[in-house]
Structure formats: structure tokens, C-alpha cells
C-alpha atoms as a PDB file:
ATOM      1  CA  MET A   1      -5.822 -12.397  18.137  1.00  0.00           C
ATOM      2  CA  ASN A   2      -6.221 -12.894  14.369  1.00  0.00           C
ATOM      3  CA  ALA A   3      -9.691 -12.890  12.831  1.00  0.00           C
ATOM      4  CA  SER A   4     -11.060 -13.497   9.319  1.00  0.00           C
ATOM      5  CA  LEU A   5     -14.509 -12.374   8.264  1.00  0.00           C
ATOM      6  CA  VAL A   6     -16.245 -12.876   4.913  1.00  0.00           C
ATOM      7  CA  HIS A   7     -18.942 -10.579   3.534  1.00  0.00           C
ATOM      8  CA  ARG A   8     -21.358 -11.852   0.893  1.00  0.00           C
ATOM      9  CA  SER A   9     -24.888 -10.834  -0.061  1.00  0.00           C
ATOM     10  CA  GLY A  10     -24.924  -8.176   2.647  1.00  0.00           C
ATOM     11  CA  VAL A  11     -24.088 -10.604   5.464  1.00  0.00           C
ATOM     12  CA  ASN A  12     -20.901 -10.754   7.585  1.00  0.00           C
ATOM     13  CA  THR A  13     -19.847 -14.162   8.899  1.00  0.00           C
ATOM     14  CA  ILE A  14     -16.688 -15.713  10.337  1.00  0.00           C
ATOM     15  CA  ALA A  15     -14.741 -17.200   7.430  1.00  0.00           C
ATOM     16  CA  THR A  16     -14.766 -20.977   7.142  1.00  0.00           C
ATOM     17  CA  ALA A  17     -12.255 -23.270   5.467  1.00  0.00           C
ATOM     18  CA  ASP A  18     -14.594 -23.435   2.461  1.00  0.00           C
ATOM     19  CA  ASP A  19     -14.572 -19.629   2.270  1.00  0.00           C
ATOM     20  CA  LEU A  20     -10.787 -19.442   2.428  1.00  0.00           C
ATOM     21  CA  ALA A  21      -9.956 -22.344   0.093  1.00  0.00           C
ATOM     22  CA  PRO A  22     -10.627 -20.437  -3.178  1.00  0.00           C
ATOM     23  CA  LEU A  23      -8.378 -17.606  -1.989  1.00  0.00           C
ATOM     24  CA  ALA A  24      -5.475 -19.965  -1.342  1.00  0.00           C
ATOM     25  CA  PHE A  25      -4.863 -20.076  -5.078  1.00  0.00           C
ATOM     26  CA  ALA A  26      -6.500 -16.823  -6.160  1.00  0.00           C
ATOM     27  CA  GLY A  27      -4.511 -14.531  -8.411  1.00  0.00           C
ATOM     28  CA  TYR A  28      -7.397 -12.317  -9.515  1.00  0.00           C
ATOM     29  CA  ALA A  29      -8.280 -10.196  -6.504  1.00  0.00           C
ATOM     30  CA  HIS A  30      -7.349  -6.872  -4.966  1.00  0.00           C
ATOM     31  CA  PHE A  31      -6.947  -5.549  -1.459  1.00  0.00           C
ATOM     32  CA  THR A  32      -6.150  -2.661   0.808  1.00  0.00           C
ATOM     33  CA  ALA A  33      -4.073  -2.797   3.982  1.00  0.00           C
ATOM     34  CA  MET A  34      -4.475  -0.441   6.917  1.00  0.00           C
ATOM     35  CA  GLN A  35      -3.344   0.093  10.464  1.00  0.00           C
ATOM     36  CA  VAL A  36      -6.165   0.422  12.989  1.00  0.00           C
ATOM     37  CA  ARG A  37      -5.416   2.434  16.100  1.00  0.00           C
ATOM     38  CA  GLU A  38      -7.957   2.804  18.899  1.00  0.00           C
ATOM     39  CA  GLY A  39     -10.530   1.266  16.564  1.00  0.00           C
ATOM     40  CA  ARG A  40      -9.992   3.978  13.953  1.00  0.00           C
ATOM     41  CA  VAL A  41      -8.107   4.446  10.695  1.00  0.00           C
ATOM     42  CA  ARG A  42      -6.222   7.301   9.050  1.00  0.00           C
ATOM     43  CA  GLY A  43      -7.107   7.930   5.409  1.00  0.00           C
ATOM     44  CA  LEU A  44     -10.206   5.735   5.522  1.00  0.00           C
ATOM     45  CA  ASP A  45     -11.742   7.586   2.571  1.00  0.00           C
ATOM     46  CA  LEU A  46      -8.725   6.655   0.439  1.00  0.00           C
ATOM     47  CA  HIS A  47      -9.011   2.982   1.381  1.00  0.00           C
ATOM     48  CA  LEU A  48     -12.721   2.932   0.522  1.00  0.00           C
ATOM     49  CA  GLU A  49     -12.135   4.642  -2.811  1.00  0.00           C
ATOM     50  CA  ARG A  50      -9.298   2.232  -3.615  1.00  0.00           C
ATOM     51  CA  LEU A  51     -11.588  -0.754  -3.037  1.00  0.00           C
ATOM     52  CA  ARG A  52     -14.398   0.780  -5.071  1.00  0.00           C
ATOM     53  CA  ALA A  53     -12.292   1.788  -8.080  1.00  0.00           C
ATOM     54  CA  ALA A  54     -10.349  -1.475  -8.243  1.00  0.00           C
ATOM     55  CA  SER A  55     -13.543  -3.533  -7.964  1.00  0.00           C
ATOM     56  CA  VAL A  56     -15.162  -1.654 -10.835  1.00  0.00           C
ATOM     57  CA  GLU A  57     -12.008  -2.148 -12.914  1.00  0.00           C
ATOM     58  CA  LEU A  58     -11.638  -5.878 -12.190  1.00  0.00           C
ATOM     59  CA  PHE A  59     -15.221  -7.024 -11.636  1.00  0.00           C
ATOM     60  CA  GLY A  60     -17.478  -4.377 -13.187  1.00  0.00           C
ATOM     61  CA  ARG A  61     -19.134  -3.613  -9.848  1.00  0.00           C
ATOM     62  CA  ALA A  62     -18.194  -2.931  -6.232  1.00  0.00           C
ATOM     63  CA  VAL A  63     -19.380  -3.969  -2.798  1.00  0.00           C
ATOM     64  CA  PRO A  64     -21.516  -1.029  -1.573  1.00  0.00           C
ATOM     65  CA  GLU A  65     -19.548   1.311   0.664  1.00  0.00           C
ATOM     66  CA  GLU A  66     -21.839   0.963   3.668  1.00  0.00           C
ATOM     67  CA  GLU A  67     -21.475  -2.816   3.479  1.00  0.00           C
ATOM     68  CA  VAL A  68     -17.678  -2.445   3.379  1.00  0.00           C
ATOM     69  CA  ARG A  69     -17.822  -0.138   6.393  1.00  0.00           C
ATOM     70  CA  ALA A  70     -20.044  -2.610   8.269  1.00  0.00           C
ATOM     71  CA  ALA A  71     -17.588  -5.437   7.556  1.00  0.00           C
ATOM     72  CA  LEU A  72     -14.681  -3.319   8.782  1.00  0.00           C
ATOM     73  CA  ARG A  73     -16.580  -2.410  11.961  1.00  0.00           C
ATOM     74  CA  THR A  74     -17.397  -6.063  12.639  1.00  0.00           C
ATOM     75  CA  ALA A  75     -13.782  -7.155  12.173  1.00  0.00           C
ATOM     76  CA  ILE A  76     -12.408  -4.327  14.310  1.00  0.00           C
ATOM     77  CA  ALA A  77     -14.919  -4.995  17.095  1.00  0.00           C
ATOM     78  CA  ALA A  78     -13.824  -8.651  17.235  1.00  0.00           C
ATOM     79  CA  GLY A  79     -10.253  -7.830  18.273  1.00  0.00           C
ATOM     80  CA  PRO A  80      -8.104  -5.397  20.245  1.00  0.00           C
ATOM     81  CA  ALA A  81      -8.185  -1.673  19.559  1.00  0.00           C
ATOM     82  CA  ASP A  82      -4.890  -1.737  17.613  1.00  0.00           C
ATOM     83  CA  VAL A  83      -4.590  -4.177  14.705  1.00  0.00           C
ATOM     84  CA  SER A  84      -3.355  -4.548  11.163  1.00  0.00           C
ATOM     85  CA  LEU A  85      -6.306  -5.042   8.822  1.00  0.00           C
ATOM     86  CA  LEU A  86      -6.395  -6.478   5.312  1.00  0.00           C
ATOM     87  CA  ALA A  87      -9.553  -6.175   3.194  1.00  0.00           C
ATOM     88  CA  THR A  88      -9.493  -8.369   0.073  1.00  0.00           C
ATOM     89  CA  VAL A  89     -12.120  -8.282  -2.688  1.00  0.00           C
ATOM     90  CA  TYR A  90     -12.468 -11.305  -4.961  1.00  0.00           C
ATOM     91  CA  SER A  91     -14.990 -12.960  -7.260  1.00  0.00           C
ATOM     92  CA  PRO A  92     -16.596 -16.295  -6.336  1.00  0.00           C
ATOM     93  CA  ALA A  93     -16.207 -17.165 -10.042  1.00  0.00           C
ATOM     94  CA  GLY A  94     -12.463 -17.390  -9.451  1.00  0.00           C
ATOM     95  CA  GLU A  95      -9.835 -16.762 -12.110  1.00  0.00           C
ATOM     96  CA  PHE A  96      -9.325 -18.123 -15.626  1.00  0.00           C
ATOM     97  CA  THR A  97     -13.069 -17.706 -16.152  1.00  0.00           C
ATOM     98  CA  VAL A  98     -15.278 -15.113 -17.805  1.00  0.00           C
ATOM     99  CA  ALA A  99     -17.638 -13.476 -15.333  1.00  0.00           C
ATOM    100  CA  GLY A 100     -19.541 -10.253 -15.848  1.00  0.00           C
ATOM    101  CA  PRO A 101     -20.968  -7.764 -13.377  1.00  0.00           C
ATOM    102  CA  GLU A 102     -23.852 -10.133 -12.637  1.00  0.00           C
ATOM    103  CA  VAL A 103     -21.413 -12.029 -10.374  1.00  0.00           C
ATOM    104  CA  ALA A 104     -21.177 -10.016  -7.164  1.00  0.00           C
ATOM    105  CA  PRO A 105     -17.669  -9.662  -5.681  1.00  0.00           C
ATOM    106  CA  GLU A 106     -17.123 -10.784  -2.114  1.00  0.00           C
ATOM    107  CA  LEU A 107     -15.056  -9.232   0.660  1.00  0.00           C
ATOM    108  CA  LEU A 108     -12.718 -10.954   3.112  1.00  0.00           C
ATOM    109  CA  VAL A 109     -11.461  -8.933   6.083  1.00  0.00           C
ATOM    110  CA  ARG A 110      -8.553 -10.266   8.106  1.00  0.00           C
ATOM    111  CA  THR A 111      -6.916  -8.749  11.185  1.00  0.00           C
ATOM    112  CA  GLY A 112      -3.580  -9.425  12.852  1.00  0.00           C
ATOM    113  CA  PRO A 113      -1.037  -7.795  15.149  1.00  0.00           C
ATOM    114  CA  PRO A 114      -0.367  -4.072  14.575  1.00  0.00           C
ATOM    115  CA  SER A 115       2.831  -3.024  12.825  1.00  0.00           C
ATOM    116  CA  ASP A 116       4.815   0.186  12.423  1.00  0.00           C
ATOM    117  CA  GLY A 117       7.226  -1.230   9.847  1.00  0.00           C
ATOM    118  CA  PRO A 118      11.031  -1.418  10.023  1.00  0.00           C
ATOM    119  CA  ASP A 119      13.157   1.343  11.526  1.00  0.00           C
ATOM    120  CA  GLY A 120      15.660   1.436   8.679  1.00  0.00           C
ATOM    121  CA  PRO A 121      17.716   2.817   7.167  1.00  0.00           C
ATOM    122  CA  LEU A 122      17.327   0.594   4.101  1.00  0.00           C
ATOM    123  CA  ASP A 123      19.615  -0.083   1.157  1.00  0.00           C
ATOM    124  CA  LEU A 124      17.685  -0.477  -2.098  1.00  0.00           C
ATOM    125  CA  ALA A 125      18.814  -2.422  -5.138  1.00  0.00           C
ATOM    126  CA  VAL A 126      17.725  -1.004  -8.497  1.00  0.00           C
ATOM    127  CA  VAL A 127      15.674  -3.370 -10.671  1.00  0.00           C
ATOM    128  CA  GLU A 128      13.982  -2.902 -14.039  1.00  0.00           C
ATOM    129  CA  HIS A 129      10.380  -3.932 -13.455  1.00  0.00           C
ATOM    130  CA  GLU A 130       6.895  -2.638 -14.250  1.00  0.00           C
ATOM    131  CA  ARG A 131       3.835  -3.962 -12.450  1.00  0.00           C
ATOM    132  CA  THR A 132       0.823  -5.015 -14.533  1.00  0.00           C
ATOM    133  CA  LEU A 133      -2.160  -2.770 -13.730  1.00  0.00           C
ATOM    134  CA  ALA A 134       0.128  -0.660 -11.590  1.00  0.00           C
ATOM    135  CA  GLN A 135      -2.732   1.523 -10.354  1.00  0.00           C
ATOM    136  CA  ILE A 136      -4.376  -1.469  -8.611  1.00  0.00           C
ATOM    137  CA  LYS A 137      -3.202  -3.092  -5.393  1.00  0.00           C
ATOM    138  CA  HIS A 138      -3.769  -6.624  -6.636  1.00  0.00           C
ATOM    139  CA  VAL A 139      -2.654 -10.040  -5.432  1.00  0.00           C
ATOM    140  CA  GLY A 140      -0.542 -12.668  -7.148  1.00  0.00           C
ATOM    141  CA  GLU A 141       2.550 -10.516  -7.721  1.00  0.00           C
ATOM    142  CA  VAL A 142       5.359 -13.047  -7.586  1.00  0.00           C
ATOM    143  CA  ALA A 143       7.869 -10.523  -8.985  1.00  0.00           C
ATOM    144  CA  LYS A 144       7.765  -8.345  -5.861  1.00  0.00           C
ATOM    145  CA  THR A 145       8.844 -11.171  -3.571  1.00  0.00           C
ATOM    146  CA  TYR A 146      11.314 -12.472  -6.139  1.00  0.00           C
ATOM    147  CA  TYR A 147      13.091  -9.122  -6.491  1.00  0.00           C
ATOM    148  CA  LEU A 148      13.021  -8.559  -2.730  1.00  0.00           C
ATOM    149  CA  ARG A 149      14.781 -11.888  -2.187  1.00  0.00           C
ATOM    150  CA  GLN A 150      17.234 -11.232  -4.991  1.00  0.00           C
ATOM    151  CA  ALA A 151      18.059  -7.844  -3.466  1.00  0.00           C
ATOM    152  CA  VAL A 152      18.717  -9.371  -0.048  1.00  0.00           C
ATOM    153  CA  ALA A 153      20.908 -12.046  -1.634  1.00  0.00           C
ATOM    154  CA  ASP A 154      22.924  -9.231  -3.242  1.00  0.00           C
ATOM    155  CA  GLY A 155      23.449  -7.439   0.079  1.00  0.00           C
ATOM    156  CA  PHE A 156      20.537  -4.988  -0.016  1.00  0.00           C
ATOM    157  CA  ASP A 157      17.398  -4.743   2.101  1.00  0.00           C
ATOM    158  CA  ASP A 158      14.830  -4.328  -0.676  1.00  0.00           C
ATOM    159  CA  ALA A 159      14.421  -3.285  -4.302  1.00  0.00           C
ATOM    160  CA  ALA A 160      13.373  -0.077  -6.074  1.00  0.00           C
ATOM    161  CA  PHE A 161      11.807  -0.401  -9.519  1.00  0.00           C
ATOM    162  CA  LEU A 162      12.724   1.378 -12.761  1.00  0.00           C
ATOM    163  CA  ASP A 163      10.236   1.522 -15.639  1.00  0.00           C
ATOM    164  CA  ARG A 164      11.109   1.096 -19.310  1.00  0.00           C
ATOM    165  CA  LYS A 165      11.911   4.807 -19.531  1.00  0.00           C
ATOM    166  CA  GLY A 166      14.504   4.507 -16.775  1.00  0.00           C
ATOM    167  CA  ARG A 167      12.368   6.295 -14.184  1.00  0.00           C
ATOM    168  CA  PHE A 168      11.891   5.276 -10.567  1.00  0.00           C
ATOM    169  CA  SER A 169       8.289   4.279  -9.895  1.00  0.00           C
ATOM    170  CA  GLU A 170       7.945   2.420  -6.605  1.00  0.00           C
ATOM    171  CA  ALA A 171       9.610  -0.278  -4.512  1.00  0.00           C
ATOM    172  CA  SER A 172       8.509  -3.834  -3.735  1.00  0.00           C
ATOM    173  CA  ILE A 173       5.719  -3.001  -1.253  1.00  0.00           C
ATOM    174  CA  TRP A 174       6.478   0.696  -0.917  1.00  0.00           C
ATOM    175  CA  ASN A 175       6.030   4.083  -2.485  1.00  0.00           C
ATOM    176  CA  LEU A 176       9.154   6.202  -2.858  1.00  0.00           C
ATOM    177  CA  ALA A 177       9.623   9.828  -1.793  1.00  0.00           C
ATOM    178  CA  PHE A 178      12.696  12.011  -2.229  1.00  0.00           C
ATOM    179  CA  TRP A 179      13.965  15.229  -0.640  1.00  0.00           C
ATOM    180  CA  ASP A 180      15.923  18.050  -2.274  1.00  0.00           C
ATOM    181  CA  GLY A 181      16.421  19.966   0.973  1.00  0.00           C
ATOM    182  CA  GLU A 182      13.331  22.139   0.523  1.00  0.00           C
ATOM    183  CA  SER A 183      10.660  20.138  -1.301  1.00  0.00           C
ATOM    184  CA  VAL A 184       9.259  16.631  -1.161  1.00  0.00           C
ATOM    185  CA  ILE A 185       9.657  15.003  -4.575  1.00  0.00           C
ATOM    186  CA  TRP A 186       7.214  12.325  -5.706  1.00  0.00           C
ATOM    187  CA  PRO A 187       8.417  10.222  -8.658  1.00  0.00           C
ATOM    188  CA  GLU A 188       6.431  10.553 -11.873  1.00  0.00           C
ATOM    189  CA  ALA A 189       5.696   7.146 -13.413  1.00  0.00           C
ATOM    190  CA  ASP A 190       2.937   4.545 -13.523  1.00  0.00           C
ATOM    191  CA  MET A 191       2.551   3.241  -9.973  1.00  0.00           C
ATOM    192  CA  LEU A 192       0.178   2.434  -7.189  1.00  0.00           C
ATOM    193  CA  LEU A 193      -0.840   5.633  -5.432  1.00  0.00           C
ATOM    194  CA  GLY A 194      -0.600   4.458  -1.853  1.00  0.00           C
ATOM    195  CA  THR A 195      -3.110   5.455   0.803  1.00  0.00           C
ATOM    196  CA  MET A 196      -0.250   6.555   3.071  1.00  0.00           C
ATOM    197  CA  MET A 197       1.134   8.584   0.196  1.00  0.00           C
ATOM    198  CA  GLY A 198      -2.287  10.192  -0.259  1.00  0.00           C
ATOM    199  CA  THR A 199      -2.712  11.117   3.405  1.00  0.00           C
ATOM    200  CA  VAL A 200       0.830  12.473   3.674  1.00  0.00           C
ATOM    201  CA  ARG A 201       0.469  14.561   0.510  1.00  0.00           C
ATOM    202  CA  ARG A 202      -2.716  16.251   1.594  1.00  0.00           C
ATOM    203  CA  GLN A 203      -1.375  16.950   5.084  1.00  0.00           C
ATOM    204  CA  LEU A 204       1.863  18.374   3.634  1.00  0.00           C
ATOM    205  CA  ASP A 205      -0.333  20.702   1.585  1.00  0.00           C
ATOM    206  CA  ARG A 206      -2.086  21.825   4.764  1.00  0.00           C
ATOM    207  CA  LEU A 207       1.276  22.351   6.462  1.00  0.00           C
ATOM    208  CA  GLY A 208       2.455  24.478   3.526  1.00  0.00           C
ATOM    209  CA  VAL A 209       5.336  22.144   2.605  1.00  0.00           C
ATOM    210  CA  PRO A 210       6.429  22.403  -1.070  1.00  0.00           C
ATOM    211  CA  GLN A 211       5.873  19.236  -3.115  1.00  0.00           C
ATOM    212  CA  LEU A 212       6.964  18.365  -6.646  1.00  0.00           C
ATOM    213  CA  SER A 213       6.022  15.531  -9.002  1.00  0.00           C
ATOM    214  CA  ARG A 214       8.753  14.846 -11.530  1.00  0.00           C
ATOM    215  CA  GLU A 215      10.686  12.079 -13.165  1.00  0.00           C
ATOM    216  CA  VAL A 216      13.545  10.750 -11.037  1.00  0.00           C
ATOM    217  CA  THR A 217      16.246   8.565 -12.593  1.00  0.00           C
ATOM    218  CA  PRO A 218      19.389   6.917 -11.198  1.00  0.00           C
ATOM    219  CA  ALA A 219      21.396   9.842 -12.571  1.00  0.00           C
ATOM    220  CA  ASP A 220      19.446  12.155 -10.231  1.00  0.00           C
ATOM    221  CA  VAL A 221      20.198  10.170  -7.064  1.00  0.00           C
ATOM    222  CA  PRO A 222      23.630  11.722  -6.229  1.00  0.00           C
ATOM    223  CA  ALA A 223      22.041  15.186  -5.999  1.00  0.00           C
ATOM    224  CA  LEU A 224      19.246  14.126  -3.616  1.00  0.00           C
ATOM    225  CA  ALA A 225      19.266  15.263   0.006  1.00  0.00           C
ATOM    226  CA  GLY A 226      17.370  12.224   1.232  1.00  0.00           C
ATOM    227  CA  ALA A 227      14.931   9.438   0.370  1.00  0.00           C
ATOM    228  CA  VAL A 228      12.361   7.261   2.127  1.00  0.00           C
ATOM    229  CA  VAL A 229       9.983   4.424   1.472  1.00  0.00           C
ATOM    230  CA  LEU A 230       6.436   4.531   2.824  1.00  0.00           C
ATOM    231  CA  ASN A 231       3.376   2.303   2.924  1.00  0.00           C
ATOM    232  CA  SER A 232       0.421   1.528   5.182  1.00  0.00           C
ATOM    233  CA  TRP A 233       2.803   0.659   8.018  1.00  0.00           C
ATOM    234  CA  THR A 234       4.672   3.953   8.139  1.00  0.00           C
ATOM    235  CA  PRO A 235       4.931   7.401   6.526  1.00  0.00           C
ATOM    236  CA  GLY A 236       8.677   7.117   6.133  1.00  0.00           C
ATOM    237  CA  VAL A 237      11.562   4.693   6.540  1.00  0.00           C
ATOM    238  CA  PRO A 238      14.889   6.345   5.666  1.00  0.00           C
ATOM    239  CA  VAL A 239      16.856   5.028   2.687  1.00  0.00           C
ATOM    240  CA  SER A 240      20.640   5.063   2.998  1.00  0.00           C
ATOM    241  CA  ARG A 241      21.593   3.695  -0.425  1.00  0.00           C
ATOM    242  CA  ILE A 242      20.029   3.320  -3.861  1.00  0.00           C
ATOM    243  CA  GLY A 243      22.101   1.084  -6.077  1.00  0.00           C
ATOM    244  CA  ASP A 244      25.718   2.151  -5.662  1.00  0.00           C
ATOM    245  CA  VAL A 245      24.912   5.662  -4.422  1.00  0.00           C
ATOM    246  CA  ARG A 246      24.931   6.537  -0.725  1.00  0.00           C
ATOM    247  CA  LEU A 247      22.348   9.065   0.429  1.00  0.00           C
ATOM    248  CA  PRO A 248      22.772  11.590   3.252  1.00  0.00           C
ATOM    249  CA  GLU A 249      20.820  11.150   6.452  1.00  0.00           C
ATOM    250  CA  ALA A 250      17.759  13.364   6.419  1.00  0.00           C
ATOM    251  CA  PRO A 251      16.139  13.176   9.882  1.00  0.00           C
ATOM    252  CA  SER A 252      14.229  16.429   9.359  1.00  0.00           C
ATOM    253  CA  PHE A 253      12.678  15.010   6.173  1.00  0.00           C
ATOM    254  CA  VAL A 254      11.640  11.798   7.906  1.00  0.00           C
ATOM    255  CA  GLU A 255      10.190  13.699  10.861  1.00  0.00           C
ATOM    256  CA  LEU A 256       8.291  15.984   8.487  1.00  0.00           C
ATOM    257  CA  LEU A 257       6.567  13.003   6.887  1.00  0.00           C
ATOM    258  CA  HIS A 258       5.745  11.520  10.289  1.00  0.00           C
ATOM    259  CA  ARG A 259       4.353  14.871  11.445  1.00  0.00           C
ATOM    260  CA  ALA A 260       2.152  15.028   8.361  1.00  0.00           C
ATOM    261  CA  HIS A 261       0.913  11.519   9.100  1.00  0.00           C
ATOM    262  CA  ARG A 262       0.088  12.394  12.703  1.00  0.00           C
ATOM    263  CA  SER A 263      -1.922  15.374  11.427  1.00  0.00           C
ATOM    264  CA  GLU A 264      -4.274  13.056   9.538  1.00  0.00           C
ATOM    265  CA  PRO A 265      -7.291  12.390  11.785  1.00  0.00           C
ATOM    266  CA  LEU A 266      -8.230   8.899  12.903  1.00  0.00           C
ATOM    267  CA  VAL A 267     -11.708   8.017  11.628  1.00  0.00           C
ATOM    268  CA  ALA A 268     -14.050   5.202  12.668  1.00  0.00           C
ATOM    269  CA  PRO A 269     -15.574   3.121   9.868  1.00  0.00           C
END
């Protein structure tokens, strides 16, 4: 069962067509996506902080955290115990307008079937692209779908992005992580710091697994011992090729990331 709920002025209601119509063409909004299992979420604190920080950046104010939590609880209670959940924050003033912090942002929560993402392995094309406001998970990003489709047309599964300095940053809807045989390597560039990435990193710290943050370029790919993509669906889908370079299978690396994810506790909103 899919459900959509809108939160405005401290009240949660089922979304109507009038509520959803402005979002059909909205390009000035942000969101977070999460997997709910048994009515609970891993990394909930990271999702809440993402919504708060992005709202302050885009709208000058945020929906109070307890109101966000209440909206999440209402949406989760309306469906099965396991769902995918999308929480989108937008301004009723819409886009192409000037609106200050006196206009309160509104929250739309939508649920759908749960997902664990693809099994992989994936082949990634290499594309030069930098996201605007890379630190925000915002809507209206036509380039991500465009480059995904271009990659598939060229015989790949998805696309990895290079910034203007020639560094890997992220992929279309994914963070990237690499393996040198001993340490997890996180690419250093402007990017969205994913909530899955955040939960995995802190659990790897607790497990005592070495982690490095450094620039990774296409010239570094042949020396890598493995690579994955990760997002709210999954802590790791193996990558078998980046551009023209084949990567070795790294099942121990993938399992390590999944073990770190399982170590993150499920928390109720």
C-alpha cells in the first residue's frame, strides 16, 4: 500500500490532489529517502539532520524535529511494517519567487514498497558532471537521469561522476566507496554525504576497520582491489567496471559494508 501525507502548521493530513499539484512541477525542494523495517529506521538521526540543514539552507527555517518525527510515525503507522519512505520538504511559495523565512516550509511523506536495491555487479560509465549544491539532496536534477540513460545506451549500468579536477565524487543516485585490500577509501570531492554512508562509516569505526578519505581519479582505478555503490537501499552493490577498467571481485569488502550496516540499530521515530 502506498500512502502520502502532508504536514503543515503542525497538522498531519492525507495529501489531496491540491496538495500534490504544486509538487508535480516543483524544482525547489529537498528530500531524504529511507528504508523502514519493522516500523524502525537505521540512521534516523542522520535523516533528521539532513532535513534540518537543507531546510535552513533553502528556506531559512526548518520544520521542527518533533513535528517531522510525528509525521514519520503517522505515515509508518498507516502501512505495513516494512516500507520505503520519502520525506520531501518544500515551500508553498513555490519556485521562481522570493520568499523569506516567514513562509513556513511544508513536509510531504510518501511510502511505497520496500527495496534492497540491485544485486549487481554494476558497470559504471565515467562522466564529467558536478551537481549544484552538492551537499543537499534536492529535487529537479535532470542530469542524473540523463547520464544514467546515456550510460545504459553505451552498454553500462549507471554513471560515476568526475568533478572539474578529475576526481570521482559520486554516482547518479549513489555514493562511491573503494577498497585497497585493507582500508575503505571514501572519495574526497564535493558530494552529498549519504545517510547510508554516514551509518556505515561510524559502524566501521566501531568495528576498528581502517578508513581513508582521499582523492580518487581514473588513473587510480587499476590499482583498486574493489569498489561499490551505496545509498539508502543498500550499504554496497559491487562494481565490476569503471570506464574501461575491470575491477576484481571483492566479496569480503561487500560483506564488511553489509555487516557494518547491520550493526547500526533500528530506531523508531
